[in-house]
Amino acid sequence: MYGILLLLLLTLPLLFQTMFGRKAISESIKLNLSEVCLISFFSQILFYYFAFKLLDYKLRSESNGQFHCGMPFVGLVIIEFFFIIVLIIIMVVQFFIRKSYNRNIEKH
């Protein structure tokens, strides 16, 4: 249960960026692409904090208040850096798509 919740917390901003970034490019929502990117980036950091606290709670509850190994935290940090890099790549690609989309609209 906790593993799925941790993964869900870390992937929700990626899904938000992908879905709402596409809608912001086509201007079918009120938010522009910059606002969607800021929301997803800050929510990625905020959800990482919640995932960290959830992992801390899980490890402390399993071992009566003391945990002996910090390797799950290292794994969480590495996964978070990976997701932030993927999120930044998605943002850059969407900015290029928006630039191309705007250029095509101006030509017509």
N, C-alpha and C. Protein backbone atom coordinates (compact mmCIF):
# COMPACT_ATOMS: atom_id res chain seq x y z
N MET A 1 0.81 -1.19 0.00
CA MET A 1 0.00 0.00 0.00
C MET A 1 0.86 1.26 0.00
N TYR A 2 1.87 1.30 0.89
CA TYR A 2 2.71 2.48 0.98
C TYR A 2 3.56 2.67 -0.27
N GLY A 3 4.01 1.56 -0.86
CA GLY A 3 4.82 1.66 -2.06
C GLY A 3 4.06 2.26 -3.23
N ILE A 4 2.82 1.85 -3.38
CA ILE A 4 1.99 2.39 -4.46
C ILE A 4 1.68 3.85 -4.21
N LEU A 5 1.42 4.20 -2.96
CA LEU A 5 1.13 5.59 -2.62
C LEU A 5 2.35 6.49 -2.84
N LEU A 6 3.53 5.99 -2.49
CA LEU A 6 4.76 6.75 -2.74
C LEU A 6 4.97 6.99 -4.23
N LEU A 7 4.80 5.95 -5.02
CA LEU A 7 4.97 6.08 -6.46
C LEU A 7 3.91 7.00 -7.06
N LEU A 8 2.70 6.91 -6.57
CA LEU A 8 1.63 7.79 -7.04
C LEU A 8 1.91 9.24 -6.70
N LEU A 9 2.40 9.51 -5.50
CA LEU A 9 2.75 10.88 -5.11
C LEU A 9 3.83 11.47 -6.01
N LEU A 10 4.77 10.65 -6.41
CA LEU A 10 5.87 11.15 -7.23
C LEU A 10 5.52 11.29 -8.70
N THR A 11 4.52 10.54 -9.18
CA THR A 11 4.18 10.60 -10.60
C THR A 11 3.01 11.53 -10.91
N LEU A 12 2.25 11.95 -9.91
CA LEU A 12 1.12 12.84 -10.17
C LEU A 12 1.51 14.16 -10.86
N PRO A 13 2.59 14.83 -10.45
CA PRO A 13 2.96 16.05 -11.18
C PRO A 13 3.36 15.80 -12.63
N LEU A 14 3.96 14.64 -12.92
CA LEU A 14 4.29 14.31 -14.30
C LEU A 14 3.03 14.14 -15.14
N LEU A 15 2.05 13.46 -14.58
CA LEU A 15 0.78 13.28 -15.29
C LEU A 15 0.06 14.61 -15.47
N PHE A 16 0.09 15.45 -14.43
CA PHE A 16 -0.53 16.77 -14.52
C PHE A 16 0.13 17.59 -15.62
N GLN A 17 1.45 17.58 -15.66
CA GLN A 17 2.17 18.35 -16.67
C GLN A 17 1.86 17.85 -18.07
N THR A 18 1.81 16.56 -18.23
CA THR A 18 1.55 15.99 -19.55
C THR A 18 0.15 16.33 -20.03
N MET A 19 -0.84 16.15 -19.18
CA MET A 19 -2.23 16.39 -19.61
C MET A 19 -2.54 17.88 -19.74
N PHE A 20 -2.26 18.64 -18.70
CA PHE A 20 -2.64 20.04 -18.73
C PHE A 20 -1.67 20.89 -19.55
N GLY A 21 -0.44 20.44 -19.72
CA GLY A 21 0.48 21.13 -20.61
C GLY A 21 0.01 21.05 -22.05
N ARG A 22 -0.48 19.88 -22.44
CA ARG A 22 -1.02 19.71 -23.79
C ARG A 22 -2.25 20.59 -24.00
N LYS A 23 -3.10 20.67 -22.97
CA LYS A 23 -4.28 21.52 -23.08
C LYS A 23 -3.91 23.00 -23.09
N ALA A 24 -2.86 23.37 -22.35
CA ALA A 24 -2.42 24.77 -22.34
C ALA A 24 -1.82 25.18 -23.68
N ILE A 25 -1.18 24.25 -24.36
CA ILE A 25 -0.62 24.55 -25.69
C ILE A 25 -1.74 24.84 -26.67
N SER A 26 -2.78 24.05 -26.63
CA SER A 26 -3.90 24.26 -27.55
C SER A 26 -4.88 25.32 -27.04
N GLU A 27 -4.58 25.91 -25.89
CA GLU A 27 -5.36 26.98 -25.28
C GLU A 27 -6.81 26.58 -25.00
N SER A 28 -7.01 25.36 -24.57
CA SER A 28 -8.36 24.92 -24.22
C SER A 28 -8.64 25.07 -22.72
N ILE A 29 -7.65 25.56 -21.95
CA ILE A 29 -7.86 25.88 -20.54
C ILE A 29 -7.40 27.30 -20.29
N LYS A 30 -7.75 27.85 -19.14
CA LYS A 30 -7.42 29.24 -18.84
C LYS A 30 -5.95 29.43 -18.47
N LEU A 31 -5.31 28.40 -17.97
CA LEU A 31 -3.91 28.49 -17.58
C LEU A 31 -3.02 28.49 -18.83
N ASN A 32 -1.94 29.25 -18.78
CA ASN A 32 -0.97 29.15 -19.87
C ASN A 32 0.09 28.12 -19.50
N LEU A 33 0.97 27.84 -20.42
CA LEU A 33 1.94 26.77 -20.22
C LEU A 33 2.91 27.09 -19.09
N SER A 34 3.28 28.33 -18.92
CA SER A 34 4.20 28.70 -17.84
C SER A 34 3.58 28.43 -16.47
N GLU A 35 2.32 28.75 -16.33
CA GLU A 35 1.64 28.50 -15.06
C GLU A 35 1.52 27.01 -14.78
N VAL A 36 1.22 26.23 -15.79
CA VAL A 36 1.13 24.77 -15.63
C VAL A 36 2.48 24.21 -15.22
N CYS A 37 3.55 24.71 -15.82
CA CYS A 37 4.90 24.24 -15.48
C CYS A 37 5.25 24.59 -14.03
N LEU A 38 4.92 25.79 -13.60
CA LEU A 38 5.21 26.18 -12.22
C LEU A 38 4.41 25.34 -11.22
N ILE A 39 3.16 25.11 -11.52
CA ILE A 39 2.33 24.29 -10.64
C ILE A 39 2.89 22.88 -10.54
N SER A 40 3.25 22.29 -11.66
CA SER A 40 3.74 20.91 -11.63
C SER A 40 5.11 20.82 -10.96
N PHE A 41 5.97 21.82 -11.16
CA PHE A 41 7.30 21.77 -10.54
C PHE A 41 7.21 21.90 -9.03
N PHE A 42 6.42 22.87 -8.55
CA PHE A 42 6.29 23.04 -7.10
C PHE A 42 5.52 21.90 -6.46
N SER A 43 4.56 21.34 -7.18
CA SER A 43 3.85 20.19 -6.62
C SER A 43 4.76 18.96 -6.58
N GLN A 44 5.70 18.86 -7.51
CA GLN A 44 6.67 17.75 -7.46
C GLN A 44 7.50 17.84 -6.19
N ILE A 45 7.94 19.03 -5.84
CA ILE A 45 8.72 19.21 -4.62
C ILE A 45 7.86 18.97 -3.38
N LEU A 46 6.64 19.49 -3.39
CA LEU A 46 5.74 19.31 -2.25
C LEU A 46 5.37 17.84 -2.06
N PHE A 47 5.07 17.14 -3.13
CA PHE A 47 4.72 15.72 -3.03
C PHE A 47 5.92 14.88 -2.62
N TYR A 48 7.13 15.32 -2.98
CA TYR A 48 8.33 14.61 -2.51
C TYR A 48 8.42 14.72 -0.99
N TYR A 49 8.12 15.89 -0.45
CA TYR A 49 8.14 16.07 1.00
C TYR A 49 7.13 15.13 1.66
N PHE A 50 5.92 15.05 1.10
CA PHE A 50 4.91 14.15 1.66
C PHE A 50 5.35 12.68 1.53
N ALA A 51 5.97 12.33 0.43
CA ALA A 51 6.46 10.96 0.25
C ALA A 51 7.57 10.65 1.25
N PHE A 52 8.43 11.62 1.50
CA PHE A 52 9.49 11.44 2.48
C PHE A 52 8.92 11.21 3.87
N LYS A 53 7.93 12.03 4.24
CA LYS A 53 7.31 11.87 5.56
C LYS A 53 6.55 10.54 5.65
N LEU A 54 5.92 10.12 4.57
CA LEU A 54 5.20 8.85 4.57
C LEU A 54 6.17 7.67 4.72
N LEU A 55 7.30 7.74 4.02
CA LEU A 55 8.30 6.68 4.14
C LEU A 55 8.88 6.66 5.55
N ASP A 56 9.12 7.83 6.13
CA ASP A 56 9.62 7.90 7.49
C ASP A 56 8.62 7.28 8.46
N TYR A 57 7.34 7.59 8.29
CA TYR A 57 6.31 7.02 9.15
C TYR A 57 6.25 5.50 9.00
N LYS A 58 6.33 5.03 7.76
CA LYS A 58 6.26 3.58 7.51
C LYS A 58 7.43 2.86 8.16
N LEU A 59 8.63 3.39 7.99
CA LEU A 59 9.80 2.73 8.57
C LEU A 59 9.79 2.78 10.09
N ARG A 60 9.35 3.88 10.66
CA ARG A 60 9.30 3.97 12.13
C ARG A 60 8.21 3.08 12.71
N SER A 61 7.10 2.94 12.03
CA SER A 61 6.03 2.09 12.57
C SER A 61 6.38 0.61 12.48
N GLU A 62 7.19 0.24 11.50
CA GLU A 62 7.57 -1.17 11.36
C GLU A 62 8.62 -1.59 12.37
N SER A 63 9.39 -0.63 12.90
CA SER A 63 10.49 -1.01 13.79
C SER A 63 10.40 -0.32 15.15
N ASN A 64 9.21 -0.08 15.62
CA ASN A 64 8.97 0.46 16.96
C ASN A 64 9.68 1.78 17.23
N GLY A 65 9.61 2.69 16.30
CA GLY A 65 10.16 4.03 16.51
C GLY A 65 11.60 4.22 16.11
N GLN A 66 12.32 3.15 15.82
CA GLN A 66 13.72 3.27 15.41
C GLN A 66 13.91 2.48 14.13
N PHE A 67 14.57 3.09 13.16
CA PHE A 67 14.88 2.32 11.96
C PHE A 67 16.39 2.20 11.85
N HIS A 68 16.82 1.10 11.28
CA HIS A 68 18.24 0.77 11.29
C HIS A 68 18.94 1.09 9.98
N CYS A 69 18.19 1.29 8.93
CA CYS A 69 18.82 1.48 7.62
C CYS A 69 18.18 2.68 6.92
N GLY A 70 19.02 3.51 6.34
CA GLY A 70 18.53 4.69 5.63
C GLY A 70 18.51 4.53 4.13
N MET A 71 18.73 3.33 3.64
CA MET A 71 18.78 3.11 2.19
C MET A 71 17.45 3.42 1.49
N PRO A 72 16.29 3.18 2.08
CA PRO A 72 15.06 3.58 1.38
C PRO A 72 15.00 5.08 1.11
N PHE A 73 15.57 5.89 2.01
CA PHE A 73 15.59 7.33 1.79
C PHE A 73 16.50 7.70 0.63
N VAL A 74 17.62 6.99 0.51
CA VAL A 74 18.53 7.23 -0.63
C VAL A 74 17.82 6.87 -1.93
N GLY A 75 17.09 5.77 -1.94
CA GLY A 75 16.33 5.38 -3.12
C GLY A 75 15.26 6.40 -3.46
N LEU A 76 14.60 6.93 -2.44
CA LEU A 76 13.57 7.95 -2.68
C LEU A 76 14.18 9.22 -3.27
N VAL A 77 15.33 9.62 -2.77
CA VAL A 77 16.00 10.82 -3.30
C VAL A 77 16.42 10.61 -4.75
N ILE A 78 16.95 9.44 -5.07
CA ILE A 78 17.38 9.15 -6.44
C ILE A 78 16.17 9.12 -7.38
N ILE A 79 15.09 8.51 -6.95
CA ILE A 79 13.87 8.47 -7.77
C ILE A 79 13.32 9.88 -7.97
N GLU A 80 13.39 10.71 -6.93
CA GLU A 80 12.90 12.08 -7.05
C GLU A 80 13.74 12.88 -8.04
N PHE A 81 15.05 12.74 -8.00
CA PHE A 81 15.89 13.42 -8.98
C PHE A 81 15.58 12.95 -10.40
N PHE A 82 15.34 11.66 -10.56
CA PHE A 82 14.97 11.13 -11.87
C PHE A 82 13.66 11.74 -12.35
N PHE A 83 12.66 11.81 -11.47
CA PHE A 83 11.36 12.37 -11.86
C PHE A 83 11.46 13.87 -12.14
N ILE A 84 12.30 14.59 -11.41
CA ILE A 84 12.48 16.02 -11.69
C ILE A 84 13.13 16.21 -13.05
N ILE A 85 14.11 15.38 -13.39
CA ILE A 85 14.75 15.47 -14.71
C ILE A 85 13.75 15.17 -15.80
N VAL A 86 12.94 14.13 -15.62
CA VAL A 86 11.91 13.79 -16.61
C VAL A 86 10.90 14.92 -16.73
N LEU A 87 10.52 15.53 -15.62
CA LEU A 87 9.57 16.64 -15.63
C LEU A 87 10.15 17.84 -16.39
N ILE A 88 11.40 18.14 -16.18
CA ILE A 88 12.04 19.25 -16.90
C ILE A 88 12.12 18.96 -18.39
N ILE A 89 12.42 17.72 -18.75
CA ILE A 89 12.46 17.34 -20.17
C ILE A 89 11.08 17.50 -20.80
N ILE A 90 10.04 17.07 -20.09
CA ILE A 90 8.67 17.22 -20.61
C ILE A 90 8.34 18.70 -20.79
N MET A 91 8.74 19.53 -19.83
CA MET A 91 8.47 20.97 -19.94
C MET A 91 9.18 21.58 -21.14
N VAL A 92 10.43 21.24 -21.35
CA VAL A 92 11.19 21.79 -22.48
C VAL A 92 10.57 21.35 -23.80
N VAL A 93 10.20 20.09 -23.89
CA VAL A 93 9.58 19.59 -25.12
C VAL A 93 8.26 20.31 -25.37
N GLN A 94 7.48 20.53 -24.32
CA GLN A 94 6.21 21.23 -24.50
C GLN A 94 6.41 22.70 -24.89
N PHE A 95 7.46 23.34 -24.39
CA PHE A 95 7.74 24.71 -24.81
C PHE A 95 8.11 24.76 -26.29
N PHE A 96 8.88 23.78 -26.76
CA PHE A 96 9.21 23.73 -28.19
C PHE A 96 7.97 23.44 -29.04
N ILE A 97 7.10 22.58 -28.54
CA ILE A 97 5.87 22.29 -29.26
C ILE A 97 4.99 23.54 -29.33
N ARG A 98 4.91 24.28 -28.23
CA ARG A 98 4.11 25.51 -28.22
C ARG A 98 4.70 26.54 -29.18
N LYS A 99 6.01 26.63 -29.22
CA LYS A 99 6.66 27.57 -30.13
C LYS A 99 6.35 27.20 -31.58
N SER A 100 6.41 25.93 -31.89
CA SER A 100 6.09 25.46 -33.23
C SER A 100 4.61 25.65 -33.54
N TYR A 101 3.76 25.40 -32.56
CA TYR A 101 2.31 25.56 -32.71
C TYR A 101 1.97 27.02 -32.99
N ASN A 102 2.59 27.93 -32.24
CA ASN A 102 2.34 29.37 -32.46
C ASN A 102 2.87 29.83 -33.83
N ARG A 103 3.98 29.29 -34.24
CA ARG A 103 4.54 29.64 -35.54
C ARG A 103 3.63 29.17 -36.67
N ASN A 104 3.05 27.98 -36.53
CA ASN A 104 2.14 27.47 -37.55
C ASN A 104 0.83 28.27 -37.62
N ILE A 105 0.36 28.74 -36.46
CA ILE A 105 -0.86 29.55 -36.44
C ILE A 105 -0.60 30.90 -37.09
N GLU A 106 0.56 31.49 -36.86
CA GLU A 106 0.88 32.79 -37.46
C GLU A 106 1.01 32.70 -38.99
N LYS A 107 1.45 31.57 -39.51
CA LYS A 107 1.60 31.40 -40.95
C LYS A 107 0.23 31.32 -41.63
N HIS A 108 -0.74 30.78 -40.93
CA HIS A 108 -2.06 30.61 -41.54
C HIS A 108 -2.85 31.82 -41.24
